[in-house]
Amino acid sequence: MKSSNYVVSLILVALLLLFGCSTNAGQEQNSNSISSVERIYNLDPQRTFIDQEIGDFHFINILTDKQIHFDDLNKDKVVIIQSFSNGCPACVRGIKEYNKLYDKYKDSLEILYMNINPDDKPEEIINIKETYNGRDWVWANYQGSLLPFYEQYGFKMNDMTFIVDKGGRIAYADSFSVPLERIENELRKLGV
């Protein structure tokens, strides 16, 4: 798993170097230009999953110790699936950001915070949730029943995000941490 994280990190750094950083940070860009982040996003391999039906999979919610089927989460709500692991600083920031979204849209949004590290223990994940005041959305630790999902959709590193519409189709996908505003814009497109 570490080697795949390393390879993806190298690719993202190479893309940043290839496209360069914006020299007009904080200024409005020319309408014909596209930001470096947008260029990287447009090349993101996770985007190939957009418009695919996600299918059902099951897992244990470590807060309730109950098995959940994804279809049950996705019946009447849009679902954000976010990968994380213990010790990931961006994941901690993500908890704070997703708290804001969850508080604002909890009637039409569900969040599945999915651990991808087989070495993390459920107690550690619950501790992270409590330490950073994570809401009671669905928290799933790494588990065998999720392996087909991880493999099918390439969930191999932190900060991977899917947004699944109410019809069970992947409406948004990325492989890296993005600003809350981008996620919220995607939710608005889905009528959340």
N, C-alpha and C. Protein backbone atom coordinates (compact mmCIF):
# COMPACT_ATOMS: atom_id res chain seq x y z
N MET A 1 0.83 -1.19 0.00
CA MET A 1 0.00 0.00 0.00
C MET A 1 0.87 1.25 0.00
N LYS A 2 1.99 1.23 0.78
CA LYS A 2 2.87 2.39 0.82
C LYS A 2 3.46 2.69 -0.55
N SER A 3 3.81 1.65 -1.30
CA SER A 3 4.40 1.88 -2.62
C SER A 3 3.40 2.50 -3.57
N SER A 4 2.12 2.10 -3.50
CA SER A 4 1.12 2.72 -4.39
C SER A 4 0.88 4.17 -4.00
N ASN A 5 0.89 4.48 -2.69
CA ASN A 5 0.77 5.88 -2.26
C ASN A 5 1.94 6.70 -2.78
N TYR A 6 3.13 6.10 -2.72
CA TYR A 6 4.34 6.78 -3.18
C TYR A 6 4.26 7.06 -4.67
N VAL A 7 3.83 6.08 -5.44
CA VAL A 7 3.73 6.24 -6.90
C VAL A 7 2.72 7.33 -7.25
N VAL A 8 1.55 7.29 -6.62
CA VAL A 8 0.54 8.31 -6.90
C VAL A 8 1.05 9.69 -6.50
N SER A 9 1.73 9.78 -5.37
CA SER A 9 2.30 11.07 -4.95
C SER A 9 3.30 11.58 -5.98
N LEU A 10 4.15 10.70 -6.48
CA LEU A 10 5.12 11.10 -7.51
C LEU A 10 4.42 11.60 -8.77
N ILE A 11 3.36 10.92 -9.16
CA ILE A 11 2.61 11.34 -10.35
C ILE A 11 2.01 12.72 -10.14
N LEU A 12 1.41 12.95 -8.98
CA LEU A 12 0.81 14.26 -8.71
C LEU A 12 1.86 15.37 -8.69
N VAL A 13 3.02 15.10 -8.08
CA VAL A 13 4.10 16.09 -8.07
C VAL A 13 4.57 16.36 -9.50
N ALA A 14 4.71 15.30 -10.29
CA ALA A 14 5.13 15.48 -11.69
C ALA A 14 4.12 16.32 -12.46
N LEU A 15 2.84 16.09 -12.21
CA LEU A 15 1.81 16.89 -12.88
C LEU A 15 1.89 18.35 -12.47
N LEU A 16 2.12 18.59 -11.18
CA LEU A 16 2.27 19.97 -10.72
C LEU A 16 3.47 20.64 -11.39
N LEU A 17 4.57 19.91 -11.48
CA LEU A 17 5.75 20.47 -12.14
C LEU A 17 5.51 20.69 -13.63
N LEU A 18 4.83 19.76 -14.25
CA LEU A 18 4.54 19.86 -15.67
C LEU A 18 3.66 21.07 -15.99
N PHE A 19 2.63 21.25 -15.19
CA PHE A 19 1.69 22.34 -15.47
C PHE A 19 2.07 23.64 -14.76
N GLY A 20 2.95 23.56 -13.80
CA GLY A 20 3.39 24.74 -13.09
C GLY A 20 2.35 25.25 -12.13
N CYS A 21 2.79 26.16 -11.29
CA CYS A 21 1.90 26.79 -10.34
C CYS A 21 1.46 28.12 -10.91
N SER A 22 0.28 28.52 -10.55
CA SER A 22 -0.25 29.79 -11.04
C SER A 22 0.60 30.94 -10.52
N THR A 23 0.96 31.87 -11.39
CA THR A 23 1.75 33.02 -10.96
C THR A 23 0.86 34.17 -10.53
N ASN A 24 -0.44 34.03 -10.72
CA ASN A 24 -1.34 35.10 -10.33
C ASN A 24 -2.25 34.65 -9.20
N ALA A 25 -1.67 33.99 -8.21
CA ALA A 25 -2.44 33.50 -7.07
C ALA A 25 -3.18 34.66 -6.43
N GLY A 26 -4.43 34.43 -6.12
CA GLY A 26 -5.24 35.45 -5.49
C GLY A 26 -5.87 36.41 -6.49
N GLN A 27 -5.49 36.35 -7.75
CA GLN A 27 -6.06 37.22 -8.77
C GLN A 27 -6.99 36.41 -9.64
N GLU A 28 -7.91 37.10 -10.27
CA GLU A 28 -8.83 36.41 -11.17
C GLU A 28 -8.06 35.94 -12.40
N GLN A 29 -8.29 34.70 -12.79
CA GLN A 29 -7.57 34.16 -13.94
C GLN A 29 -8.30 34.53 -15.23
N ASN A 30 -7.54 34.55 -16.29
CA ASN A 30 -8.09 34.75 -17.61
C ASN A 30 -9.15 33.67 -17.85
N SER A 31 -10.28 34.03 -18.45
CA SER A 31 -11.37 33.08 -18.63
C SER A 31 -10.97 31.92 -19.54
N ASN A 32 -9.94 32.07 -20.35
CA ASN A 32 -9.50 30.99 -21.22
C ASN A 32 -8.51 30.05 -20.53
N SER A 33 -8.00 30.44 -19.37
CA SER A 33 -7.01 29.60 -18.69
C SER A 33 -7.71 28.65 -17.74
N ILE A 34 -6.98 27.65 -17.34
CA ILE A 34 -7.51 26.67 -16.39
C ILE A 34 -6.46 26.50 -15.30
N SER A 35 -6.90 26.42 -14.06
CA SER A 35 -5.96 26.33 -12.95
C SER A 35 -5.21 25.00 -12.98
N SER A 36 -4.07 24.98 -12.31
CA SER A 36 -3.29 23.75 -12.21
C SER A 36 -4.09 22.65 -11.54
N VAL A 37 -4.87 23.02 -10.52
CA VAL A 37 -5.68 22.02 -9.83
C VAL A 37 -6.71 21.42 -10.79
N GLU A 38 -7.33 22.27 -11.61
CA GLU A 38 -8.30 21.76 -12.59
C GLU A 38 -7.63 20.85 -13.61
N ARG A 39 -6.44 21.21 -14.03
CA ARG A 39 -5.72 20.36 -14.99
C ARG A 39 -5.43 18.99 -14.40
N ILE A 40 -4.98 18.98 -13.15
CA ILE A 40 -4.69 17.71 -12.49
C ILE A 40 -5.98 16.92 -12.32
N TYR A 41 -7.04 17.61 -11.90
CA TYR A 41 -8.32 16.91 -11.73
C TYR A 41 -8.79 16.29 -13.05
N ASN A 42 -8.63 17.02 -14.12
CA ASN A 42 -9.06 16.50 -15.42
C ASN A 42 -8.29 15.26 -15.84
N LEU A 43 -7.07 15.08 -15.31
CA LEU A 43 -6.25 13.90 -15.62
C LEU A 43 -6.39 12.79 -14.57
N ASP A 44 -7.16 13.05 -13.53
CA ASP A 44 -7.30 12.11 -12.42
C ASP A 44 -7.93 10.80 -12.90
N PRO A 45 -7.26 9.67 -12.69
CA PRO A 45 -7.81 8.39 -13.15
C PRO A 45 -9.13 8.02 -12.47
N GLN A 46 -9.40 8.55 -11.29
CA GLN A 46 -10.66 8.24 -10.61
C GLN A 46 -11.87 8.74 -11.41
N ARG A 47 -11.66 9.75 -12.24
CA ARG A 47 -12.77 10.30 -13.03
C ARG A 47 -13.37 9.27 -13.98
N THR A 48 -12.64 8.22 -14.30
CA THR A 48 -13.18 7.20 -15.21
C THR A 48 -14.38 6.48 -14.59
N PHE A 49 -14.55 6.61 -13.28
CA PHE A 49 -15.67 5.95 -12.61
C PHE A 49 -16.96 6.78 -12.64
N ILE A 50 -16.86 8.04 -13.02
CA ILE A 50 -18.04 8.90 -13.06
C ILE A 50 -19.07 8.30 -14.01
N ASP A 51 -20.31 8.34 -13.58
CA ASP A 51 -21.49 7.81 -14.29
C ASP A 51 -21.64 6.30 -14.19
N GLN A 52 -20.74 5.63 -13.49
CA GLN A 52 -20.92 4.19 -13.27
C GLN A 52 -21.83 3.97 -12.06
N GLU A 53 -22.60 2.91 -12.12
CA GLU A 53 -23.42 2.54 -10.98
C GLU A 53 -22.52 1.88 -9.95
N ILE A 54 -22.66 2.28 -8.70
CA ILE A 54 -21.72 1.82 -7.69
C ILE A 54 -22.00 0.39 -7.24
N GLY A 55 -23.21 -0.07 -7.30
CA GLY A 55 -23.49 -1.44 -6.86
C GLY A 55 -23.51 -1.54 -5.34
N ASP A 56 -24.00 -2.66 -4.86
CA ASP A 56 -24.13 -2.83 -3.42
C ASP A 56 -22.88 -3.49 -2.86
N PHE A 57 -22.50 -3.08 -1.68
CA PHE A 57 -21.44 -3.73 -0.92
C PHE A 57 -21.81 -3.56 0.54
N HIS A 58 -21.23 -4.35 1.41
CA HIS A 58 -21.58 -4.25 2.82
C HIS A 58 -20.33 -4.10 3.67
N PHE A 59 -20.55 -3.61 4.88
CA PHE A 59 -19.45 -3.32 5.79
C PHE A 59 -20.03 -3.15 7.19
N ILE A 60 -19.16 -3.08 8.17
CA ILE A 60 -19.57 -2.87 9.56
C ILE A 60 -19.35 -1.40 9.91
N ASN A 61 -20.39 -0.75 10.42
CA ASN A 61 -20.25 0.60 10.97
C ASN A 61 -19.64 0.43 12.36
N ILE A 62 -18.42 0.92 12.57
CA ILE A 62 -17.74 0.66 13.84
C ILE A 62 -18.36 1.42 15.00
N LEU A 63 -19.21 2.40 14.75
CA LEU A 63 -19.87 3.11 15.85
C LEU A 63 -21.02 2.29 16.42
N THR A 64 -21.69 1.53 15.57
CA THR A 64 -22.85 0.75 16.01
C THR A 64 -22.57 -0.75 16.03
N ASP A 65 -21.47 -1.16 15.43
CA ASP A 65 -21.10 -2.57 15.28
C ASP A 65 -22.16 -3.35 14.50
N LYS A 66 -22.84 -2.65 13.59
CA LYS A 66 -23.87 -3.29 12.77
C LYS A 66 -23.45 -3.31 11.31
N GLN A 67 -23.85 -4.38 10.62
CA GLN A 67 -23.58 -4.48 9.19
C GLN A 67 -24.52 -3.55 8.43
N ILE A 68 -23.97 -2.87 7.45
CA ILE A 68 -24.75 -1.95 6.62
C ILE A 68 -24.50 -2.31 5.16
N HIS A 69 -25.54 -2.24 4.37
CA HIS A 69 -25.42 -2.37 2.92
C HIS A 69 -25.44 -0.97 2.33
N PHE A 70 -24.57 -0.74 1.37
CA PHE A 70 -24.49 0.59 0.77
C PHE A 70 -25.84 1.02 0.21
N ASP A 71 -26.58 0.11 -0.39
CA ASP A 71 -27.89 0.46 -0.94
C ASP A 71 -28.81 1.07 0.11
N ASP A 72 -28.68 0.62 1.37
CA ASP A 72 -29.51 1.18 2.44
C ASP A 72 -29.13 2.63 2.75
N LEU A 73 -27.85 2.95 2.65
CA LEU A 73 -27.41 4.34 2.87
C LEU A 73 -27.88 5.24 1.75
N ASN A 74 -27.92 4.68 0.56
CA ASN A 74 -28.12 5.46 -0.66
C ASN A 74 -29.58 5.55 -1.11
N LYS A 75 -30.52 5.05 -0.29
CA LYS A 75 -31.92 5.04 -0.71
C LYS A 75 -32.46 6.43 -1.02
N ASP A 76 -32.37 7.32 -0.06
CA ASP A 76 -32.96 8.65 -0.22
C ASP A 76 -31.94 9.77 -0.07
N LYS A 77 -30.68 9.42 -0.05
CA LYS A 77 -29.65 10.43 0.20
C LYS A 77 -28.51 10.31 -0.79
N VAL A 78 -27.87 11.43 -1.01
CA VAL A 78 -26.59 11.45 -1.71
C VAL A 78 -25.55 10.98 -0.70
N VAL A 79 -24.57 10.21 -1.14
CA VAL A 79 -23.55 9.68 -0.23
C VAL A 79 -22.17 10.13 -0.68
N ILE A 80 -21.41 10.68 0.27
CA ILE A 80 -19.99 10.96 0.04
C ILE A 80 -19.22 9.78 0.62
N ILE A 81 -18.37 9.17 -0.19
CA ILE A 81 -17.47 8.13 0.30
C ILE A 81 -16.08 8.74 0.32
N GLN A 82 -15.47 8.77 1.49
CA GLN A 82 -14.17 9.40 1.67
C GLN A 82 -13.21 8.40 2.30
N SER A 83 -12.03 8.22 1.70
CA SER A 83 -11.03 7.32 2.28
C SER A 83 -10.15 8.08 3.26
N PHE A 84 -9.67 7.36 4.27
CA PHE A 84 -8.80 7.97 5.27
C PHE A 84 -8.00 6.87 5.96
N SER A 85 -7.05 7.30 6.79
CA SER A 85 -6.36 6.38 7.69
C SER A 85 -5.87 7.15 8.90
N ASN A 86 -5.54 6.42 9.94
CA ASN A 86 -5.03 7.00 11.17
C ASN A 86 -3.70 7.70 10.87
N GLY A 87 -3.50 8.88 11.41
CA GLY A 87 -2.23 9.58 11.23
C GLY A 87 -2.15 10.40 9.96
N CYS A 88 -3.24 10.60 9.27
CA CYS A 88 -3.26 11.38 8.03
C CYS A 88 -3.73 12.80 8.35
N PRO A 89 -2.84 13.81 8.30
CA PRO A 89 -3.24 15.19 8.64
C PRO A 89 -4.36 15.73 7.77
N ALA A 90 -4.34 15.45 6.49
CA ALA A 90 -5.40 15.94 5.61
C ALA A 90 -6.74 15.30 5.98
N CYS A 91 -6.69 14.06 6.46
CA CYS A 91 -7.93 13.38 6.86
C CYS A 91 -8.55 14.05 8.07
N VAL A 92 -7.71 14.53 8.98
CA VAL A 92 -8.20 15.25 10.16
C VAL A 92 -8.88 16.54 9.72
N ARG A 93 -8.24 17.27 8.80
CA ARG A 93 -8.89 18.48 8.26
C ARG A 93 -10.19 18.10 7.59
N GLY A 94 -10.19 16.96 6.92
CA GLY A 94 -11.40 16.49 6.26
C GLY A 94 -12.55 16.27 7.22
N ILE A 95 -12.25 15.76 8.40
CA ILE A 95 -13.31 15.56 9.40
C ILE A 95 -13.96 16.89 9.72
N LYS A 96 -13.15 17.91 9.95
CA LYS A 96 -13.69 19.24 10.27
C LYS A 96 -14.54 19.78 9.12
N GLU A 97 -14.07 19.59 7.89
CA GLU A 97 -14.81 20.08 6.72
C GLU A 97 -16.11 19.29 6.54
N TYR A 98 -16.03 17.98 6.67
CA TYR A 98 -17.23 17.16 6.50
C TYR A 98 -18.24 17.38 7.62
N ASN A 99 -17.77 17.75 8.82
CA ASN A 99 -18.70 18.14 9.88
C ASN A 99 -19.59 19.28 9.41
N LYS A 100 -18.98 20.28 8.76
CA LYS A 100 -19.75 21.43 8.28
C LYS A 100 -20.80 20.99 7.26
N LEU A 101 -20.39 20.15 6.31
CA LEU A 101 -21.33 19.67 5.30
C LEU A 101 -22.45 18.84 5.93
N TYR A 102 -22.07 17.95 6.83
CA TYR A 102 -23.05 17.07 7.46
C TYR A 102 -24.06 17.87 8.26
N ASP A 103 -23.58 18.86 9.02
CA ASP A 103 -24.49 19.69 9.81
C ASP A 103 -25.46 20.45 8.90
N LYS A 104 -24.98 20.89 7.77
CA LYS A 104 -25.79 21.70 6.86
C LYS A 104 -26.78 20.86 6.05
N TYR A 105 -26.38 19.65 5.65
CA TYR A 105 -27.18 18.85 4.70
C TYR A 105 -27.60 17.48 5.22
N LYS A 106 -27.56 17.25 6.52
CA LYS A 106 -27.74 15.88 7.03
C LYS A 106 -29.08 15.23 6.65
N ASP A 107 -30.08 16.02 6.30
CA ASP A 107 -31.35 15.42 5.89
C ASP A 107 -31.29 14.80 4.50
N SER A 108 -30.33 15.23 3.69
CA SER A 108 -30.25 14.71 2.32
C SER A 108 -28.86 14.16 1.98
N LEU A 109 -27.99 14.05 2.98
CA LEU A 109 -26.61 13.63 2.76
C LEU A 109 -26.19 12.59 3.79
N GLU A 110 -25.48 11.57 3.33
CA GLU A 110 -24.83 10.62 4.22
C GLU A 110 -23.35 10.62 3.88
N ILE A 111 -22.52 10.43 4.88
CA ILE A 111 -21.07 10.37 4.67
C ILE A 111 -20.58 9.01 5.15
N LEU A 112 -19.81 8.36 4.31
CA LEU A 112 -19.16 7.10 4.66
C LEU A 112 -17.66 7.37 4.71
N TYR A 113 -17.12 7.44 5.92
CA TYR A 113 -15.68 7.65 6.12
C TYR A 113 -15.06 6.27 6.19
N MET A 114 -14.32 5.89 5.16
CA MET A 114 -13.87 4.52 4.95
C MET A 114 -12.35 4.42 5.13
N ASN A 115 -11.93 3.68 6.15
CA ASN A 115 -10.51 3.50 6.44
C ASN A 115 -9.90 2.53 5.43
N ILE A 116 -8.72 2.88 4.93
CA ILE A 116 -8.05 2.03 3.94
C ILE A 116 -6.80 1.35 4.48
N ASN A 117 -6.48 1.56 5.75
CA ASN A 117 -5.25 1.00 6.31
C ASN A 117 -5.56 -0.25 7.12
N PRO A 118 -5.07 -1.42 6.69
CA PRO A 118 -5.37 -2.65 7.43
C PRO A 118 -4.75 -2.70 8.82
N ASP A 119 -3.78 -1.84 9.11
CA ASP A 119 -3.13 -1.84 10.43
C ASP A 119 -3.89 -1.01 11.46
N ASP A 120 -4.81 -0.16 11.03
CA ASP A 120 -5.58 0.66 11.97
C ASP A 120 -6.62 -0.19 12.68
N LYS A 121 -6.74 0.04 13.97
CA LYS A 121 -7.70 -0.69 14.78
C LYS A 121 -8.97 0.14 14.95
N PRO A 122 -10.13 -0.50 15.11
CA PRO A 122 -11.38 0.24 15.28
C PRO A 122 -11.32 1.26 16.43
N GLU A 123 -10.64 0.88 17.52
CA GLU A 123 -10.54 1.80 18.67
C GLU A 123 -9.81 3.09 18.28
N GLU A 124 -8.80 2.96 17.42
CA GLU A 124 -8.05 4.14 16.97
C GLU A 124 -8.94 5.06 16.13
N ILE A 125 -9.78 4.46 15.31
CA ILE A 125 -10.67 5.25 14.46
C ILE A 125 -11.72 5.95 15.32
N ILE A 126 -12.26 5.25 16.28
CA ILE A 126 -13.24 5.87 17.19
C ILE A 126 -12.57 7.00 17.96
N ASN A 127 -11.32 6.82 18.36
CA ASN A 127 -10.58 7.88 19.06
C ASN A 127 -10.41 9.11 18.16
N ILE A 128 -10.09 8.89 16.89
CA ILE A 128 -9.97 10.01 15.94
C ILE A 128 -11.30 10.74 15.84
N LYS A 129 -12.38 10.00 15.70
CA LYS A 129 -13.71 10.59 15.60
C LYS A 129 -14.00 11.46 16.82
N GLU A 130 -13.72 10.92 18.00
CA GLU A 130 -14.01 11.66 19.23
C GLU A 130 -13.07 12.85 19.42
N THR A 131 -11.80 12.67 19.11
CA THR A 131 -10.82 13.75 19.26
C THR A 131 -11.18 14.95 18.40
N TYR A 132 -11.62 14.70 17.19
CA TYR A 132 -11.91 15.79 16.25
C TYR A 132 -13.40 16.05 16.10
N ASN A 133 -14.18 15.56 17.07
CA ASN A 133 -15.61 15.82 17.13
C ASN A 133 -16.33 15.43 15.84
N GLY A 134 -15.90 14.31 15.25
CA GLY A 134 -16.56 13.82 14.04
C GLY A 134 -18.01 13.49 14.33
N ARG A 135 -18.86 13.79 13.40
CA ARG A 135 -20.29 13.53 13.58
C ARG A 135 -20.56 12.03 13.47
N ASP A 136 -21.79 11.67 13.74
CA ASP A 136 -22.18 10.26 13.73
C ASP A 136 -22.60 9.79 12.34
N TRP A 137 -21.83 10.19 11.34
CA TRP A 137 -22.05 9.59 10.03
C TRP A 137 -21.50 8.17 10.10
N VAL A 138 -21.38 7.49 9.01
CA VAL A 138 -20.95 6.09 9.02
C VAL A 138 -19.42 6.02 8.96
N TRP A 139 -18.84 5.32 9.92
CA TRP A 139 -17.39 5.13 10.00
C TRP A 139 -17.11 3.64 9.79
N ALA A 140 -16.35 3.32 8.77
CA ALA A 140 -16.03 1.92 8.48
C ALA A 140 -14.53 1.72 8.55
N ASN A 141 -14.10 0.77 9.37
CA ASN A 141 -12.69 0.43 9.43
C ASN A 141 -12.36 -0.53 8.29
N TYR A 142 -11.07 -0.65 7.98
CA TYR A 142 -10.62 -1.60 6.96
C TYR A 142 -11.14 -2.98 7.31
N GLN A 143 -11.76 -3.65 6.36
CA GLN A 143 -12.32 -4.98 6.62
C GLN A 143 -12.43 -5.76 5.32
N GLY A 144 -12.39 -7.06 5.46
CA GLY A 144 -12.41 -7.93 4.30
C GLY A 144 -13.58 -7.72 3.36
N SER A 145 -14.75 -7.40 3.92
CA SER A 145 -15.92 -7.23 3.05
C SER A 145 -15.79 -6.02 2.14
N LEU A 146 -14.88 -5.11 2.45
CA LEU A 146 -14.67 -3.92 1.61
C LEU A 146 -13.59 -4.13 0.55
N LEU A 147 -12.85 -5.22 0.63
CA LEU A 147 -11.77 -5.45 -0.35
C LEU A 147 -12.25 -5.39 -1.80
N PRO A 148 -13.39 -6.01 -2.14
CA PRO A 148 -13.84 -5.89 -3.54
C PRO A 148 -14.10 -4.43 -3.94
N PHE A 149 -14.64 -3.64 -3.02
CA PHE A 149 -14.87 -2.22 -3.31
C PHE A 149 -13.53 -1.51 -3.54
N TYR A 150 -12.59 -1.71 -2.61
CA TYR A 150 -11.27 -1.07 -2.73
C TYR A 150 -10.64 -1.41 -4.08
N GLU A 151 -10.70 -2.67 -4.45
CA GLU A 151 -10.06 -3.12 -5.69
C GLU A 151 -10.80 -2.61 -6.93
N GLN A 152 -12.12 -2.71 -6.93
CA GLN A 152 -12.88 -2.29 -8.11
C GLN A 152 -12.73 -0.80 -8.40
N TYR A 153 -12.70 0.01 -7.33
CA TYR A 153 -12.68 1.46 -7.52
C TYR A 153 -11.33 2.10 -7.22
N GLY A 154 -10.31 1.31 -7.00
CA GLY A 154 -8.97 1.85 -6.82
C GLY A 154 -8.78 2.67 -5.56
N PHE A 155 -9.53 2.38 -4.51
CA PHE A 155 -9.36 3.11 -3.25
C PHE A 155 -8.13 2.55 -2.54
N LYS A 156 -6.97 3.21 -2.78
CA LYS A 156 -5.71 2.71 -2.25
C LYS A 156 -4.95 3.75 -1.45
N MET A 157 -5.49 4.96 -1.36
CA MET A 157 -4.77 6.00 -0.62
C MET A 157 -5.78 6.93 0.05
N ASN A 158 -5.27 7.77 0.92
CA ASN A 158 -6.10 8.72 1.65
C ASN A 158 -6.68 9.78 0.71
N ASP A 159 -7.77 10.36 1.16
CA ASP A 159 -8.40 11.51 0.50
C ASP A 159 -9.03 11.22 -0.84
N MET A 160 -9.31 9.99 -1.12
CA MET A 160 -10.07 9.69 -2.34
C MET A 160 -11.54 9.92 -2.03
N THR A 161 -12.25 10.50 -2.98
CA THR A 161 -13.64 10.88 -2.74
C THR A 161 -14.52 10.43 -3.90
N PHE A 162 -15.65 9.85 -3.55
CA PHE A 162 -16.74 9.62 -4.49
C PHE A 162 -17.95 10.34 -3.94
N ILE A 163 -18.73 10.93 -4.82
CA ILE A 163 -20.06 11.39 -4.45
C ILE A 163 -21.03 10.57 -5.29
N VAL A 164 -21.92 9.88 -4.60
CA VAL A 164 -22.86 8.97 -5.26
C VAL A 164 -24.25 9.59 -5.20
N ASP A 165 -24.89 9.75 -6.36
CA ASP A 165 -26.22 10.37 -6.38
C ASP A 165 -27.27 9.40 -5.84
N LYS A 166 -28.49 9.90 -5.68
CA LYS A 166 -29.57 9.09 -5.10
C LYS A 166 -29.93 7.89 -5.96
N GLY A 167 -29.54 7.90 -7.20
CA GLY A 167 -29.79 6.77 -8.09
C GLY A 167 -28.69 5.72 -8.06
N GLY A 168 -27.66 5.93 -7.22
CA GLY A 168 -26.58 4.95 -7.09
C GLY A 168 -25.47 5.10 -8.11
N ARG A 169 -25.43 6.23 -8.81
CA ARG A 169 -24.37 6.48 -9.80
C ARG A 169 -23.31 7.41 -9.21
N ILE A 170 -22.08 7.16 -9.59
CA ILE A 170 -20.97 8.02 -9.14
C ILE A 170 -21.06 9.32 -9.93
N ALA A 171 -21.29 10.41 -9.22
CA ALA A 171 -21.45 11.72 -9.86
C ALA A 171 -20.16 12.52 -9.83
N TYR A 172 -19.28 12.19 -8.90
CA TYR A 172 -18.02 12.92 -8.74
C TYR A 172 -16.99 11.94 -8.20
N ALA A 173 -15.74 12.09 -8.63
CA ALA A 173 -14.66 11.22 -8.14
C ALA A 173 -13.35 11.98 -8.21
N ASP A 174 -12.52 11.84 -7.17
CA ASP A 174 -11.18 12.39 -7.22
C ASP A 174 -10.24 11.57 -6.35
N SER A 175 -8.93 11.80 -6.56
CA SER A 175 -7.89 11.05 -5.85
C SER A 175 -7.12 11.90 -4.86
N PHE A 176 -7.53 13.12 -4.64
CA PHE A 176 -6.74 14.00 -3.78
C PHE A 176 -7.64 14.96 -3.03
N SER A 177 -7.10 15.55 -2.00
CA SER A 177 -7.85 16.48 -1.17
C SER A 177 -8.24 17.72 -1.97
N VAL A 178 -9.51 18.07 -1.92
CA VAL A 178 -9.99 19.25 -2.63
C VAL A 178 -10.70 20.16 -1.63
N PRO A 179 -10.82 21.44 -1.96
CA PRO A 179 -11.50 22.36 -1.04
C PRO A 179 -12.96 21.98 -0.82
N LEU A 180 -13.44 22.31 0.36
CA LEU A 180 -14.83 22.05 0.73
C LEU A 180 -15.79 22.66 -0.29
N GLU A 181 -15.45 23.82 -0.81
CA GLU A 181 -16.33 24.51 -1.76
C GLU A 181 -16.59 23.64 -2.99
N ARG A 182 -15.57 22.94 -3.44
CA ARG A 182 -15.74 22.08 -4.62
C ARG A 182 -16.74 20.96 -4.33
N ILE A 183 -16.59 20.33 -3.18
CA ILE A 183 -17.51 19.25 -2.80
C ILE A 183 -18.92 19.81 -2.66
N GLU A 184 -19.04 20.96 -2.02
CA GLU A 184 -20.36 21.56 -1.84
C GLU A 184 -21.00 21.93 -3.18
N ASN A 185 -20.21 22.42 -4.12
CA ASN A 185 -20.74 22.71 -5.46
C ASN A 185 -21.26 21.45 -6.13
N GLU A 186 -20.53 20.35 -5.97
CA GLU A 186 -20.98 19.08 -6.55
C GLU A 186 -22.28 18.62 -5.90
N LEU A 187 -22.41 18.83 -4.59
CA LEU A 187 -23.64 18.46 -3.90
C LEU A 187 -24.82 19.29 -4.40
N ARG A 188 -24.58 20.57 -4.61
CA ARG A 188 -25.65 21.45 -5.12
C ARG A 188 -26.13 20.99 -6.49
N LYS A 189 -25.19 20.55 -7.34
CA LYS A 189 -25.58 20.05 -8.67
C LYS A 189 -26.54 18.87 -8.56
N LEU A 190 -26.43 18.13 -7.45
CA LEU A 190 -27.28 16.95 -7.23
C LEU A 190 -28.54 17.28 -6.45
N GLY A 191 -28.75 18.56 -6.18
CA GLY A 191 -29.97 18.98 -5.49
C GLY A 191 -29.96 18.77 -3.99
N VAL A 192 -28.79 18.64 -3.40
CA VAL A 192 -28.70 18.44 -1.95
C VAL A 192 -28.97 19.76 -1.25
